[in-house]
Amino acid sequence: MKKYIKYLFPVLEASSIPLLFIITILILSGYGILYPSQIKMLTGGLMTGRLAYKIHTDKIIRLSALILLFIHGYAGLLILIEKYVRTRLLKNVLILICTIIMAYFYSLMILLDILR
């Protein structure tokens, strides 16, 4: 399993910047919905309440955030398991459990977001 660890760090690094960007946009747009005049002032008039609502409810942005969150979180969990768990059997069991749980919850979130 050590072979795949060299691929996880670039995946983790590559997903971190876009994830940070998308989450920042979602947070700003969420505050733009709650406090439109303050966010409009802070963004120099770029984000109005209407634009904030469109951004915050856009399916592509939300799905992108979920996919990047899954990739980033899964790669991070695999690195942690590889680093701290010593026995091969326990590593394999934990990787299987994390894969099942993350796939279930993220597919549930994606389905709920698509069907909304």
PDB file of N, CA and C in Angstrom:
ATOM      1  N   MET A   1       0.813  -1.199   0.000  1.00  0.00           N
ATOM      2  CA  MET A   1       0.000   0.000   0.000  1.00  0.00           C
ATOM      3  C   MET A   1       0.855   1.261   0.000  1.00  0.00           C
ATOM      4  N   LYS A   2       2.125   1.160   0.308  1.00  0.00           N
ATOM      5  CA  LYS A   2       2.994   2.329   0.348  1.00  0.00           C
ATOM      6  C   LYS A   2       3.143   2.974  -1.020  1.00  0.00           C
ATOM      7  N   LYS A   3       2.911   2.227  -2.081  1.00  0.00           N
ATOM      8  CA  LYS A   3       3.089   2.769  -3.424  1.00  0.00           C
ATOM      9  C   LYS A   3       2.130   3.915  -3.705  1.00  0.00           C
ATOM     10  N   TYR A   4       0.901   3.827  -3.202  1.00  0.00           N
ATOM     11  CA  TYR A   4      -0.086   4.841  -3.519  1.00  0.00           C
ATOM     12  C   TYR A   4       0.107   6.118  -2.712  1.00  0.00           C
ATOM     13  N   ILE A   5       0.883   6.077  -1.639  1.00  0.00           N
ATOM     14  CA  ILE A   5       1.032   7.248  -0.774  1.00  0.00           C
ATOM     15  C   ILE A   5       1.715   8.400  -1.509  1.00  0.00           C
ATOM     16  N   LYS A   6       2.590   8.090  -2.458  1.00  0.00           N
ATOM     17  CA  LYS A   6       3.270   9.168  -3.187  1.00  0.00           C
ATOM     18  C   LYS A   6       2.315   9.911  -4.114  1.00  0.00           C
ATOM     19  N   TYR A   7       1.190   9.295  -4.456  1.00  0.00           N
ATOM     20  CA  TYR A   7       0.187   9.956  -5.289  1.00  0.00           C
ATOM     21  C   TYR A   7      -0.822  10.751  -4.456  1.00  0.00           C
ATOM     22  N   LEU A   8      -0.932  10.425  -3.178  1.00  0.00           N
ATOM     23  CA  LEU A   8      -1.925  11.084  -2.345  1.00  0.00           C
ATOM     24  C   LEU A   8      -1.553  12.519  -1.990  1.00  0.00           C
ATOM     25  N   PHE A   9      -0.264  12.781  -1.768  1.00  0.00           N
ATOM     26  CA  PHE A   9       0.143  14.140  -1.426  1.00  0.00           C
ATOM     27  C   PHE A   9      -0.126  15.139  -2.550  1.00  0.00           C
ATOM     28  N   PRO A  10       0.204  14.821  -3.812  1.00  0.00           N
ATOM     29  CA  PRO A  10      -0.169  15.766  -4.880  1.00  0.00           C
ATOM     30  C   PRO A  10      -1.681  15.936  -5.029  1.00  0.00           C
ATOM     31  N   VAL A  11      -2.445  14.865  -4.801  1.00  0.00           N
ATOM     32  CA  VAL A  11      -3.911  14.969  -4.865  1.00  0.00           C
ATOM     33  C   VAL A  11      -4.405  15.888  -3.754  1.00  0.00           C
ATOM     34  N   LEU A  12      -3.862  15.716  -2.571  1.00  0.00           N
ATOM     35  CA  LEU A  12      -4.233  16.546  -1.426  1.00  0.00           C
ATOM     36  C   LEU A  12      -3.893  18.012  -1.689  1.00  0.00           C
ATOM     37  N   GLU A  13      -2.697  18.251  -2.214  1.00  0.00           N
ATOM     38  CA  GLU A  13      -2.281  19.623  -2.502  1.00  0.00           C
ATOM     39  C   GLU A  13      -3.100  20.234  -3.642  1.00  0.00           C
ATOM     40  N   ALA A  14      -3.363  19.447  -4.672  1.00  0.00           N
ATOM     41  CA  ALA A  14      -4.091  19.967  -5.833  1.00  0.00           C
ATOM     42  C   ALA A  14      -5.549  20.266  -5.499  1.00  0.00           C
ATOM     43  N   SER A  15      -6.121  19.554  -4.561  1.00  0.00           N
ATOM     44  CA  SER A  15      -7.527  19.794  -4.217  1.00  0.00           C
ATOM     45  C   SER A  15      -7.698  20.895  -3.177  1.00  0.00           C
ATOM     46  N   SER A  16      -6.623  21.267  -2.488  1.00  0.00           N
ATOM     47  CA  SER A  16      -6.768  22.215  -1.386  1.00  0.00           C
ATOM     48  C   SER A  16      -7.076  23.633  -1.858  1.00  0.00           C
ATOM     49  N   ILE A  17      -6.401  24.129  -2.875  1.00  0.00           N
ATOM     50  CA  ILE A  17      -6.620  25.510  -3.329  1.00  0.00           C
ATOM     51  C   ILE A  17      -8.020  25.684  -3.943  1.00  0.00           C
ATOM     52  N   PRO A  18      -8.440  24.820  -4.880  1.00  0.00           N
ATOM     53  CA  PRO A  18      -9.806  24.989  -5.390  1.00  0.00           C
ATOM     54  C   PRO A  18     -10.874  24.813  -4.315  1.00  0.00           C
ATOM     55  N   LEU A  19     -10.640  23.911  -3.371  1.00  0.00           N
ATOM     56  CA  LEU A  19     -11.599  23.714  -2.286  1.00  0.00           C
ATOM     57  C   LEU A  19     -11.691  24.959  -1.418  1.00  0.00           C
ATOM     58  N   LEU A  20     -10.563  25.543  -1.093  1.00  0.00           N
ATOM     59  CA  LEU A  20     -10.555  26.774  -0.310  1.00  0.00           C
ATOM     60  C   LEU A  20     -11.280  27.894  -1.058  1.00  0.00           C
ATOM     61  N   PHE A  21     -11.062  28.012  -2.352  1.00  0.00           N
ATOM     62  CA  PHE A  21     -11.711  29.032  -3.169  1.00  0.00           C
ATOM     63  C   PHE A  21     -13.233  28.841  -3.186  1.00  0.00           C
ATOM     64  N   ILE A  22     -13.678  27.617  -3.441  1.00  0.00           N
ATOM     65  CA  ILE A  22     -15.121  27.352  -3.524  1.00  0.00           C
ATOM     66  C   ILE A  22     -15.797  27.537  -2.172  1.00  0.00           C
ATOM     67  N   ILE A  23     -15.164  27.081  -1.107  1.00  0.00           N
ATOM     68  CA  ILE A  23     -15.760  27.245   0.221  1.00  0.00           C
ATOM     69  C   ILE A  23     -15.826  28.724   0.603  1.00  0.00           C
ATOM     70  N   THR A  24     -14.808  29.493   0.244  1.00  0.00           N
ATOM     71  CA  THR A  24     -14.840  30.936   0.504  1.00  0.00           C
ATOM     72  C   THR A  24     -15.986  31.599  -0.247  1.00  0.00           C
ATOM     73  N   ILE A  25     -16.171  31.214  -1.503  1.00  0.00           N
ATOM     74  CA  ILE A  25     -17.281  31.760  -2.302  1.00  0.00           C
ATOM     75  C   ILE A  25     -18.626  31.384  -1.672  1.00  0.00           C
ATOM     76  N   LEU A  26     -18.761  30.132  -1.249  1.00  0.00           N
ATOM     77  CA  LEU A  26     -20.017  29.701  -0.639  1.00  0.00           C
ATOM     78  C   LEU A  26     -20.282  30.416   0.688  1.00  0.00           C
ATOM     79  N   ILE A  27     -19.254  30.629   1.472  1.00  0.00           N
ATOM     80  CA  ILE A  27     -19.431  31.350   2.739  1.00  0.00           C
ATOM     81  C   ILE A  27     -19.813  32.798   2.474  1.00  0.00           C
ATOM     82  N   LEU A  28     -19.093  33.449   1.553  1.00  0.00           N
ATOM     83  CA  LEU A  28     -19.424  34.840   1.217  1.00  0.00           C
ATOM     84  C   LEU A  28     -20.836  34.965   0.673  1.00  0.00           C
ATOM     85  N   SER A  29     -21.224  34.047  -0.196  1.00  0.00           N
ATOM     86  CA  SER A  29     -22.573  34.135  -0.754  1.00  0.00           C
ATOM     87  C   SER A  29     -23.627  33.834   0.313  1.00  0.00           C
ATOM     88  N   GLY A  30     -23.317  32.953   1.238  1.00  0.00           N
ATOM     89  CA  GLY A  30     -24.245  32.694   2.339  1.00  0.00           C
ATOM     90  C   GLY A  30     -24.447  33.926   3.204  1.00  0.00           C
ATOM     91  N   TYR A  31     -23.358  34.602   3.528  1.00  0.00           N
ATOM     92  CA  TYR A  31     -23.481  35.852   4.263  1.00  0.00           C
ATOM     93  C   TYR A  31     -24.139  36.927   3.405  1.00  0.00           C
ATOM     94  N   GLY A  32     -23.939  36.850   2.084  1.00  0.00           N
ATOM     95  CA  GLY A  32     -24.579  37.790   1.180  1.00  0.00           C
ATOM     96  C   GLY A  32     -26.092  37.634   1.173  1.00  0.00           C
ATOM     97  N   ILE A  33     -26.556  36.433   1.408  1.00  0.00           N
ATOM     98  CA  ILE A  33     -28.001  36.200   1.516  1.00  0.00           C
ATOM     99  C   ILE A  33     -28.517  36.760   2.840  1.00  0.00           C
ATOM    100  N   LEU A  34     -27.770  36.529   3.903  1.00  0.00           N
ATOM    101  CA  LEU A  34     -28.207  36.985   5.232  1.00  0.00           C
ATOM    102  C   LEU A  34     -28.032  38.491   5.427  1.00  0.00           C
ATOM    103  N   TYR A  35     -26.900  39.013   4.965  1.00  0.00           N
ATOM    104  CA  TYR A  35     -26.569  40.428   5.165  1.00  0.00           C
ATOM    105  C   TYR A  35     -26.184  41.068   3.830  1.00  0.00           C
ATOM    106  N   PRO A  36     -27.149  41.281   2.936  1.00  0.00           N
ATOM    107  CA  PRO A  36     -26.817  41.743   1.586  1.00  0.00           C
ATOM    108  C   PRO A  36     -26.139  43.111   1.536  1.00  0.00           C
ATOM    109  N   SER A  37     -26.545  44.036   2.368  1.00  0.00           N
ATOM    110  CA  SER A  37     -25.952  45.375   2.283  1.00  0.00           C
ATOM    111  C   SER A  37     -24.496  45.372   2.761  1.00  0.00           C
ATOM    112  N   GLN A  38     -24.191  44.613   3.815  1.00  0.00           N
ATOM    113  CA  GLN A  38     -22.821  44.561   4.314  1.00  0.00           C
ATOM    114  C   GLN A  38     -21.879  43.874   3.316  1.00  0.00           C
ATOM    115  N   ILE A  39     -22.331  42.751   2.723  1.00  0.00           N
ATOM    116  CA  ILE A  39     -21.486  42.040   1.759  1.00  0.00           C
ATOM    117  C   ILE A  39     -21.317  42.869   0.497  1.00  0.00           C
ATOM    118  N   LYS A  40     -22.363  43.585   0.102  1.00  0.00           N
ATOM    119  CA  LYS A  40     -22.251  44.456  -1.073  1.00  0.00           C
ATOM    120  C   LYS A  40     -21.198  45.532  -0.827  1.00  0.00           C
ATOM    121  N   MET A  41     -21.193  46.072   0.380  1.00  0.00           N
ATOM    122  CA  MET A  41     -20.206  47.091   0.722  1.00  0.00           C
ATOM    123  C   MET A  41     -18.795  46.484   0.789  1.00  0.00           C
ATOM    124  N   LEU A  42     -18.672  45.306   1.415  1.00  0.00           N
ATOM    125  CA  LEU A  42     -17.356  44.667   1.551  1.00  0.00           C
ATOM    126  C   LEU A  42     -16.778  44.213   0.217  1.00  0.00           C
ATOM    127  N   THR A  43     -17.637  43.837  -0.718  1.00  0.00           N
ATOM    128  CA  THR A  43     -17.141  43.372  -2.022  1.00  0.00           C
ATOM    129  C   THR A  43     -17.097  44.495  -3.049  1.00  0.00           C
ATOM    130  N   GLY A  44     -17.323  45.705  -2.616  1.00  0.00           N
ATOM    131  CA  GLY A  44     -17.268  46.836  -3.534  1.00  0.00           C
ATOM    132  C   GLY A  44     -18.424  46.854  -4.523  1.00  0.00           C
ATOM    133  N   GLY A  45     -19.544  46.314  -4.134  1.00  0.00           N
ATOM    134  CA  GLY A  45     -20.719  46.294  -4.995  1.00  0.00           C
ATOM    135  C   GLY A  45     -20.754  45.124  -5.969  1.00  0.00           C
ATOM    136  N   LEU A  46     -19.773  44.233  -5.893  1.00  0.00           N
ATOM    137  CA  LEU A  46     -19.744  43.097  -6.817  1.00  0.00           C
ATOM    138  C   LEU A  46     -20.801  42.055  -6.501  1.00  0.00           C
ATOM    139  N   MET A  47     -21.041  41.829  -5.204  1.00  0.00           N
ATOM    140  CA  MET A  47     -21.993  40.780  -4.836  1.00  0.00           C
ATOM    141  C   MET A  47     -23.241  41.398  -4.219  1.00  0.00           C
ATOM    142  N   THR A  48     -24.304  41.331  -4.960  1.00  0.00           N
ATOM    143  CA  THR A  48     -25.595  41.790  -4.454  1.00  0.00           C
ATOM    144  C   THR A  48     -26.310  40.623  -3.784  1.00  0.00           C
ATOM    145  N   GLY A  49     -27.423  40.891  -3.157  1.00  0.00           N
ATOM    146  CA  GLY A  49     -28.194  39.830  -2.514  1.00  0.00           C
ATOM    147  C   GLY A  49     -28.692  38.811  -3.523  1.00  0.00           C
ATOM    148  N   ARG A  50     -29.108  39.296  -4.680  1.00  0.00           N
ATOM    149  CA  ARG A  50     -29.612  38.396  -5.729  1.00  0.00           C
ATOM    150  C   ARG A  50     -28.500  37.502  -6.289  1.00  0.00           C
ATOM    151  N   LEU A  51     -27.335  38.104  -6.542  1.00  0.00           N
ATOM    152  CA  LEU A  51     -26.196  37.328  -7.039  1.00  0.00           C
ATOM    153  C   LEU A  51     -25.728  36.324  -5.996  1.00  0.00           C
ATOM    154  N   ALA A  52     -25.733  36.734  -4.730  1.00  0.00           N
ATOM    155  CA  ALA A  52     -25.337  35.830  -3.652  1.00  0.00           C
ATOM    156  C   ALA A  52     -26.244  34.609  -3.613  1.00  0.00           C
ATOM    157  N   TYR A  53     -27.542  34.825  -3.784  1.00  0.00           N
ATOM    158  CA  TYR A  53     -28.486  33.702  -3.789  1.00  0.00           C
ATOM    159  C   TYR A  53     -28.239  32.784  -4.981  1.00  0.00           C
ATOM    160  N   LYS A  54     -27.990  33.366  -6.151  1.00  0.00           N
ATOM    161  CA  LYS A  54     -27.718  32.546  -7.341  1.00  0.00           C
ATOM    162  C   LYS A  54     -26.446  31.726  -7.169  1.00  0.00           C
ATOM    163  N   ILE A  55     -25.412  32.340  -6.628  1.00  0.00           N
ATOM    164  CA  ILE A  55     -24.152  31.616  -6.422  1.00  0.00           C
ATOM    165  C   ILE A  55     -24.341  30.511  -5.397  1.00  0.00           C
ATOM    166  N   HIS A  56     -25.000  30.843  -4.299  1.00  0.00           N
ATOM    167  CA  HIS A  56     -25.122  29.890  -3.199  1.00  0.00           C
ATOM    168  C   HIS A  56     -25.987  28.685  -3.554  1.00  0.00           C
ATOM    169  N   THR A  57     -26.926  28.848  -4.443  1.00  0.00           N
ATOM    170  CA  THR A  57     -27.807  27.741  -4.805  1.00  0.00           C
ATOM    171  C   THR A  57     -27.447  27.098  -6.142  1.00  0.00           C
ATOM    172  N   ASP A  58     -26.355  27.515  -6.750  1.00  0.00           N
ATOM    173  CA  ASP A  58     -25.936  26.937  -8.029  1.00  0.00           C
ATOM    174  C   ASP A  58     -25.491  25.491  -7.835  1.00  0.00           C
ATOM    175  N   LYS A  59     -26.067  24.595  -8.617  1.00  0.00           N
ATOM    176  CA  LYS A  59     -25.784  23.165  -8.461  1.00  0.00           C
ATOM    177  C   LYS A  59     -24.350  22.813  -8.822  1.00  0.00           C
ATOM    178  N   ILE A  60     -23.804  23.463  -9.828  1.00  0.00           N
ATOM    179  CA  ILE A  60     -22.435  23.142 -10.257  1.00  0.00           C
ATOM    180  C   ILE A  60     -21.434  23.517  -9.166  1.00  0.00           C
ATOM    181  N   ILE A  61     -21.615  24.673  -8.564  1.00  0.00           N
ATOM    182  CA  ILE A  61     -20.705  25.094  -7.490  1.00  0.00           C
ATOM    183  C   ILE A  61     -20.838  24.166  -6.289  1.00  0.00           C
ATOM    184  N   ARG A  62     -22.067  23.826  -5.933  1.00  0.00           N
ATOM    185  CA  ARG A  62     -22.274  22.943  -4.779  1.00  0.00           C
ATOM    186  C   ARG A  62     -21.722  21.537  -5.036  1.00  0.00           C
ATOM    187  N   LEU A  63     -21.954  21.003  -6.236  1.00  0.00           N
ATOM    188  CA  LEU A  63     -21.422  19.673  -6.564  1.00  0.00           C
ATOM    189  C   LEU A  63     -19.901  19.695  -6.642  1.00  0.00           C
ATOM    190  N   SER A  64     -19.340  20.765  -7.171  1.00  0.00           N
ATOM    191  CA  SER A  64     -17.883  20.899  -7.212  1.00  0.00           C
ATOM    192  C   SER A  64     -17.303  20.907  -5.803  1.00  0.00           C
ATOM    193  N   ALA A  65     -17.969  21.625  -4.908  1.00  0.00           N
ATOM    194  CA  ALA A  65     -17.508  21.659  -3.519  1.00  0.00           C
ATOM    195  C   ALA A  65     -17.580  20.269  -2.892  1.00  0.00           C
ATOM    196  N   LEU A  66     -18.654  19.544  -3.131  1.00  0.00           N
ATOM    197  CA  LEU A  66     -18.788  18.198  -2.560  1.00  0.00           C
ATOM    198  C   LEU A  66     -17.742  17.239  -3.125  1.00  0.00           C
ATOM    199  N   ILE A  67     -17.512  17.309  -4.426  1.00  0.00           N
ATOM    200  CA  ILE A  67     -16.535  16.413  -5.052  1.00  0.00           C
ATOM    201  C   ILE A  67     -15.131  16.725  -4.555  1.00  0.00           C
ATOM    202  N   LEU A  68     -14.782  18.006  -4.507  1.00  0.00           N
ATOM    203  CA  LEU A  68     -13.455  18.377  -4.005  1.00  0.00           C
ATOM    204  C   LEU A  68     -13.301  18.025  -2.530  1.00  0.00           C
ATOM    205  N   LEU A  69     -14.363  18.200  -1.769  1.00  0.00           N
ATOM    206  CA  LEU A  69     -14.323  17.838  -0.350  1.00  0.00           C
ATOM    207  C   LEU A  69     -14.106  16.335  -0.184  1.00  0.00           C
ATOM    208  N   PHE A  70     -14.767  15.541  -1.018  1.00  0.00           N
ATOM    209  CA  PHE A  70     -14.578  14.095  -0.956  1.00  0.00           C
ATOM    210  C   PHE A  70     -13.139  13.722  -1.306  1.00  0.00           C
ATOM    211  N   ILE A  71     -12.632  14.254  -2.395  1.00  0.00           N
ATOM    212  CA  ILE A  71     -11.266  13.931  -2.829  1.00  0.00           C
ATOM    213  C   ILE A  71     -10.253  14.331  -1.764  1.00  0.00           C
ATOM    214  N   HIS A  72     -10.389  15.546  -1.264  1.00  0.00           N
ATOM    215  CA  HIS A  72      -9.447  16.054  -0.271  1.00  0.00           C
ATOM    216  C   HIS A  72      -9.539  15.271   1.045  1.00  0.00           C
ATOM    217  N   GLY A  73     -10.749  15.028   1.490  1.00  0.00           N
ATOM    218  CA  GLY A  73     -10.935  14.298   2.744  1.00  0.00           C
ATOM    219  C   GLY A  73     -10.489  12.853   2.666  1.00  0.00           C
ATOM    220  N   TYR A  74     -10.793  12.209   1.560  1.00  0.00           N
ATOM    221  CA  TYR A  74     -10.417  10.807   1.403  1.00  0.00           C
ATOM    222  C   TYR A  74      -8.906  10.649   1.323  1.00  0.00           C
ATOM    223  N   ALA A  75      -8.256  11.515   0.554  1.00  0.00           N
ATOM    224  CA  ALA A  75      -6.795  11.448   0.464  1.00  0.00           C
ATOM    225  C   ALA A  75      -6.163  11.707   1.823  1.00  0.00           C
ATOM    226  N   GLY A  76      -6.692  12.671   2.558  1.00  0.00           N
ATOM    227  CA  GLY A  76      -6.164  12.957   3.890  1.00  0.00           C
ATOM    228  C   GLY A  76      -6.346  11.795   4.856  1.00  0.00           C
ATOM    229  N   LEU A  77      -7.515  11.160   4.812  1.00  0.00           N
ATOM    230  CA  LEU A  77      -7.743   9.999   5.685  1.00  0.00           C
ATOM    231  C   LEU A  77      -6.807   8.840   5.346  1.00  0.00           C
ATOM    232  N   LEU A  78      -6.599   8.598   4.072  1.00  0.00           N
ATOM    233  CA  LEU A  78      -5.688   7.518   3.682  1.00  0.00           C
ATOM    234  C   LEU A  78      -4.259   7.799   4.139  1.00  0.00           C
ATOM    235  N   ILE A  79      -3.846   9.045   4.054  1.00  0.00           N
ATOM    236  CA  ILE A  79      -2.507   9.406   4.534  1.00  0.00           C
ATOM    237  C   ILE A  79      -2.412   9.196   6.045  1.00  0.00           C
ATOM    238  N   LEU A  80      -3.431   9.616   6.784  1.00  0.00           N
ATOM    239  CA  LEU A  80      -3.420   9.428   8.235  1.00  0.00           C
ATOM    240  C   LEU A  80      -3.409   7.952   8.624  1.00  0.00           C
ATOM    241  N   ILE A  81      -4.206   7.165   7.935  1.00  0.00           N
ATOM    242  CA  ILE A  81      -4.232   5.728   8.228  1.00  0.00           C
ATOM    243  C   ILE A  81      -2.869   5.110   7.941  1.00  0.00           C
ATOM    244  N   GLU A  82      -2.287   5.460   6.823  1.00  0.00           N
ATOM    245  CA  GLU A  82      -0.976   4.907   6.460  1.00  0.00           C
ATOM    246  C   GLU A  82       0.107   5.345   7.447  1.00  0.00           C
ATOM    247  N   LYS A  83      -0.021   6.551   7.969  1.00  0.00           N
ATOM    248  CA  LYS A  83       1.008   7.083   8.865  1.00  0.00           C
ATOM    249  C   LYS A  83       0.918   6.516  10.283  1.00  0.00           C
ATOM    250  N   TYR A  84      -0.305   6.362  10.802  1.00  0.00           N
ATOM    251  CA  TYR A  84      -0.451   6.038  12.219  1.00  0.00           C
ATOM    252  C   TYR A  84      -0.843   4.602  12.539  1.00  0.00           C
ATOM    253  N   VAL A  85      -1.372   3.865  11.587  1.00  0.00           N
ATOM    254  CA  VAL A  85      -1.785   2.491  11.875  1.00  0.00           C
ATOM    255  C   VAL A  85      -0.659   1.564  11.433  1.00  0.00           C
ATOM    256  N   ARG A  86      -0.271   0.680  12.314  1.00  0.00           N
ATOM    257  CA  ARG A  86       0.899  -0.162  12.052  1.00  0.00           C
ATOM    258  C   ARG A  86       0.569  -1.511  11.408  1.00  0.00           C
ATOM    259  N   THR A  87      -0.497  -2.157  11.823  1.00  0.00           N
ATOM    260  CA  THR A  87      -0.758  -3.508  11.316  1.00  0.00           C
ATOM    261  C   THR A  87      -1.480  -3.449   9.973  1.00  0.00           C
ATOM    262  N   ARG A  88      -1.089  -4.324   9.098  1.00  0.00           N
ATOM    263  CA  ARG A  88      -1.625  -4.363   7.734  1.00  0.00           C
ATOM    264  C   ARG A  88      -3.134  -4.642   7.728  1.00  0.00           C
ATOM    265  N   LEU A  89      -3.580  -5.593   8.542  1.00  0.00           N
ATOM    266  CA  LEU A  89      -4.993  -5.951   8.579  1.00  0.00           C
ATOM    267  C   LEU A  89      -5.848  -4.772   9.043  1.00  0.00           C
ATOM    268  N   LEU A  90      -5.413  -4.102  10.104  1.00  0.00           N
ATOM    269  CA  LEU A  90      -6.169  -2.961  10.614  1.00  0.00           C
ATOM    270  C   LEU A  90      -6.195  -1.820   9.596  1.00  0.00           C
ATOM    271  N   LYS A  91      -5.086  -1.607   8.898  1.00  0.00           N
ATOM    272  CA  LYS A  91      -5.052  -0.591   7.832  1.00  0.00           C
ATOM    273  C   LYS A  91      -6.092  -0.888   6.772  1.00  0.00           C
ATOM    274  N   ASN A  92      -6.113  -2.138   6.324  1.00  0.00           N
ATOM    275  CA  ASN A  92      -7.066  -2.514   5.274  1.00  0.00           C
ATOM    276  C   ASN A  92      -8.514  -2.390   5.737  1.00  0.00           C
ATOM    277  N   VAL A  93      -8.773  -2.755   6.977  1.00  0.00           N
ATOM    278  CA  VAL A  93     -10.134  -2.652   7.512  1.00  0.00           C
ATOM    279  C   VAL A  93     -10.544  -1.184   7.631  1.00  0.00           C
ATOM    280  N   LEU A  94      -9.660  -0.350   8.143  1.00  0.00           N
ATOM    281  CA  LEU A  94      -9.975   1.073   8.286  1.00  0.00           C
ATOM    282  C   LEU A  94     -10.166   1.751   6.927  1.00  0.00           C
ATOM    283  N   ILE A  95      -9.350   1.389   5.960  1.00  0.00           N
ATOM    284  CA  ILE A  95      -9.506   1.950   4.614  1.00  0.00           C
ATOM    285  C   ILE A  95     -10.850   1.530   4.032  1.00  0.00           C
ATOM    286  N   LEU A  96     -11.225   0.279   4.221  1.00  0.00           N
ATOM    287  CA  LEU A  96     -12.518  -0.198   3.724  1.00  0.00           C
ATOM    288  C   LEU A  96     -13.675   0.530   4.412  1.00  0.00           C
ATOM    289  N   ILE A  97     -13.594   0.665   5.726  1.00  0.00           N
ATOM    290  CA  ILE A  97     -14.654   1.351   6.471  1.00  0.00           C
ATOM    291  C   ILE A  97     -14.758   2.811   6.034  1.00  0.00           C
ATOM    292  N   CYS A  98     -13.632   3.498   5.923  1.00  0.00           N
ATOM    293  CA  CYS A  98     -13.645   4.908   5.490  1.00  0.00           C
ATOM    294  C   CYS A  98     -14.206   5.038   4.079  1.00  0.00           C
ATOM    295  N   THR A  99     -13.843   4.124   3.207  1.00  0.00           N
ATOM    296  CA  THR A  99     -14.341   4.170   1.831  1.00  0.00           C
ATOM    297  C   THR A  99     -15.851   3.999   1.790  1.00  0.00           C
ATOM    298  N   ILE A 100     -16.353   3.044   2.527  1.00  0.00           N
ATOM    299  CA  ILE A 100     -17.800   2.791   2.533  1.00  0.00           C
ATOM    300  C   ILE A 100     -18.561   3.974   3.133  1.00  0.00           C
ATOM    301  N   ILE A 101     -18.103   4.454   4.274  1.00  0.00           N
ATOM    302  CA  ILE A 101     -18.799   5.556   4.946  1.00  0.00           C
ATOM    303  C   ILE A 101     -18.758   6.824   4.110  1.00  0.00           C
ATOM    304  N   MET A 102     -17.592   7.166   3.596  1.00  0.00           N
ATOM    305  CA  MET A 102     -17.483   8.396   2.803  1.00  0.00           C
ATOM    306  C   MET A 102     -18.270   8.286   1.503  1.00  0.00           C
ATOM    307  N   ALA A 103     -18.207   7.155   0.853  1.00  0.00           N
ATOM    308  CA  ALA A 103     -18.971   6.993  -0.394  1.00  0.00           C
ATOM    309  C   ALA A 103     -20.466   7.088  -0.125  1.00  0.00           C
ATOM    310  N   TYR A 104     -20.917   6.512   0.966  1.00  0.00           N
ATOM    311  CA  TYR A 104     -22.339   6.570   1.308  1.00  0.00           C
ATOM    312  C   TYR A 104     -22.784   8.009   1.577  1.00  0.00           C
ATOM    313  N   PHE A 105     -22.069   8.699   2.473  1.00  0.00           N
ATOM    314  CA  PHE A 105     -22.503  10.041   2.848  1.00  0.00           C
ATOM    315  C   PHE A 105     -22.368  11.043   1.706  1.00  0.00           C
ATOM    316  N   TYR A 106     -21.287  10.959   0.945  1.00  0.00           N
ATOM    317  CA  TYR A 106     -21.129  11.906  -0.155  1.00  0.00           C
ATOM    318  C   TYR A 106     -22.097  11.618  -1.295  1.00  0.00           C
ATOM    319  N   SER A 107     -22.370  10.354  -1.560  1.00  0.00           N
ATOM    320  CA  SER A 107     -23.367  10.073  -2.592  1.00  0.00           C
ATOM    321  C   SER A 107     -24.750  10.511  -2.132  1.00  0.00           C
ATOM    322  N   LEU A 108     -25.037  10.380  -0.848  1.00  0.00           N
ATOM    323  CA  LEU A 108     -26.298  10.858  -0.303  1.00  0.00           C
ATOM    324  C   LEU A 108     -26.408  12.372  -0.439  1.00  0.00           C
ATOM    325  N   MET A 109     -25.328  13.093  -0.116  1.00  0.00           N
ATOM    326  CA  MET A 109     -25.351  14.553  -0.240  1.00  0.00           C
ATOM    327  C   MET A 109     -25.497  14.975  -1.695  1.00  0.00           C
ATOM    328  N   ILE A 110     -24.810  14.295  -2.589  1.00  0.00           N
ATOM    329  CA  ILE A 110     -24.901  14.640  -4.008  1.00  0.00           C
ATOM    330  C   ILE A 110     -26.316  14.350  -4.531  1.00  0.00           C
ATOM    331  N   LEU A 111     -26.885  13.218  -4.165  1.00  0.00           N
ATOM    332  CA  LEU A 111     -28.243  12.912  -4.584  1.00  0.00           C
ATOM    333  C   LEU A 111     -29.251  13.929  -4.055  1.00  0.00           C
ATOM    334  N   LEU A 112     -29.109  14.287  -2.799  1.00  0.00           N
ATOM    335  CA  LEU A 112     -30.019  15.287  -2.232  1.00  0.00           C
ATOM    336  C   LEU A 112     -29.857  16.632  -2.918  1.00  0.00           C
ATOM    337  N   ASP A 113     -28.644  16.978  -3.285  1.00  0.00           N
ATOM    338  CA  ASP A 113     -28.412  18.246  -3.960  1.00  0.00           C
ATOM    339  C   ASP A 113     -28.942  18.224  -5.390  1.00  0.00           C
ATOM    340  N   ILE A 114     -28.830  17.085  -6.069  1.00  0.00           N
ATOM    341  CA  ILE A 114     -29.322  16.992  -7.433  1.00  0.00           C
ATOM    342  C   ILE A 114     -30.859  16.977  -7.465  1.00  0.00           C
ATOM    343  N   LEU A 115     -31.467  16.270  -6.519  1.00  0.00           N
ATOM    344  CA  LEU A 115     -32.919  16.143  -6.513  1.00  0.00           C
ATOM    345  C   LEU A 115     -33.629  17.368  -5.950  1.00  0.00           C
ATOM    346  N   ARG A 116     -32.882  18.272  -5.378  1.00  0.00           N
ATOM    347  CA  ARG A 116     -33.481  19.467  -4.783  1.00  0.00           C
ATOM    348  C   ARG A 116     -34.055  20.371  -5.827  1.00  0.00           C
TER     349      ARG A 116
END
